[in-house]
Amino acid sequence: METIYDIQQLLKKYGTFIYTGNRMGDLEMMAMELDELYKLHFIENERYLQAKLLIKKERDWMRFNIKGGTGE
């Protein structure tokens, strides 16, 4: 798993389509859906951790670049 698109494709396999028009909102919802899939043992630990790390990296990148580099 290398991109946010890969996470979206994984979620689609389980019938979850996320698009709110707000990238940060989409990332939050993806993270919540991944948590549920993991708790229910639909996805294995390694895939779960890879996906969560990708989401964290994307959120961090957006916070830094959209807020002018302050990270706030």
Protein backbone atom coordinates (compact mmCIF):
# COMPACT_ATOMS: atom_id res chain seq x y z
CA MET A 1 0.00 0.00 0.00
CA GLU A 2 1.62 3.19 -1.20
CA THR A 3 -1.01 5.87 -1.79
CA ILE A 4 -4.26 7.25 -0.44
CA TYR A 5 -5.85 5.86 -3.60
CA ASP A 6 -4.77 2.38 -2.47
CA ILE A 7 -6.58 2.95 0.81
CA GLN A 8 -9.70 4.07 -1.06
CA GLN A 9 -9.56 0.89 -3.15
CA LEU A 10 -9.22 -1.24 -0.01
CA LEU A 11 -12.23 0.45 1.55
CA LYS A 12 -14.24 -0.02 -1.65
CA LYS A 13 -13.72 -3.78 -1.33
CA TYR A 14 -15.76 -3.55 1.86
CA GLY A 15 -18.44 -1.29 0.38
CA THR A 16 -17.14 2.00 1.76
CA PHE A 17 -16.96 4.97 -0.59
CA ILE A 18 -15.71 8.19 0.96
CA TYR A 19 -15.87 11.58 -0.71
CA THR A 20 -16.99 14.62 1.24
CA GLY A 21 -15.33 17.26 -0.90
CA ASN A 22 -13.03 18.05 2.03
CA ARG A 23 -9.69 16.22 1.88
CA MET A 24 -9.05 16.39 5.63
CA GLY A 25 -12.58 15.16 6.29
CA ASP A 26 -12.05 12.29 3.87
CA LEU A 27 -8.83 11.30 5.62
CA GLU A 28 -10.54 11.35 9.02
CA MET A 29 -13.38 9.17 7.76
CA MET A 30 -10.94 6.75 6.11
CA ALA A 31 -9.05 6.43 9.40
CA MET A 32 -12.28 5.69 11.28
CA GLU A 33 -13.35 3.08 8.72
CA LEU A 34 -9.93 1.42 8.91
CA ASP A 35 -10.23 1.28 12.71
CA GLU A 36 -13.56 -0.51 12.39
CA LEU A 37 -12.32 -2.97 9.78
CA TYR A 38 -9.31 -3.77 11.95
CA LYS A 39 -11.40 -4.22 15.12
CA LEU A 40 -13.66 -6.63 13.25
CA HIS A 41 -10.60 -8.54 11.91
CA PHE A 42 -11.39 -7.83 8.26
CA ILE A 43 -7.88 -6.51 7.61
CA GLU A 44 -4.56 -7.75 8.97
CA ASN A 45 -2.28 -5.77 11.26
CA GLU A 46 0.38 -4.93 8.65
CA ARG A 47 -2.12 -3.52 6.13
CA TYR A 48 -3.87 -1.56 8.89
CA LEU A 49 -0.62 0.00 10.10
CA GLN A 50 0.50 0.87 6.56
CA ALA A 51 -2.80 2.57 5.83
CA LYS A 52 -2.84 4.50 9.11
CA LEU A 53 0.73 5.68 8.51
CA LEU A 54 -0.15 6.88 5.01
CA ILE A 55 -3.12 8.82 6.34
CA LYS A 56 -0.99 10.37 9.08
CA LYS A 57 1.67 11.42 6.55
CA GLU A 58 -0.96 12.95 4.26
CA ARG A 59 -2.61 14.86 7.13
CA ASP A 60 0.77 16.13 8.35
CA TRP A 61 1.71 17.21 4.82
CA MET A 62 -1.59 19.04 4.38
CA ARG A 63 -1.32 20.80 7.74
CA PHE A 64 2.20 21.99 6.98
CA ASN A 65 1.60 23.07 3.38
CA ILE A 66 -1.91 24.49 3.62
CA LYS A 67 -1.34 26.46 6.82
CA GLY A 68 1.75 28.16 5.45
CA GLY A 69 4.30 25.92 7.09
CA THR A 70 3.32 26.62 10.69
CA GLY A 71 1.89 23.15 11.27
CA GLU A 72 -0.99 24.58 13.29
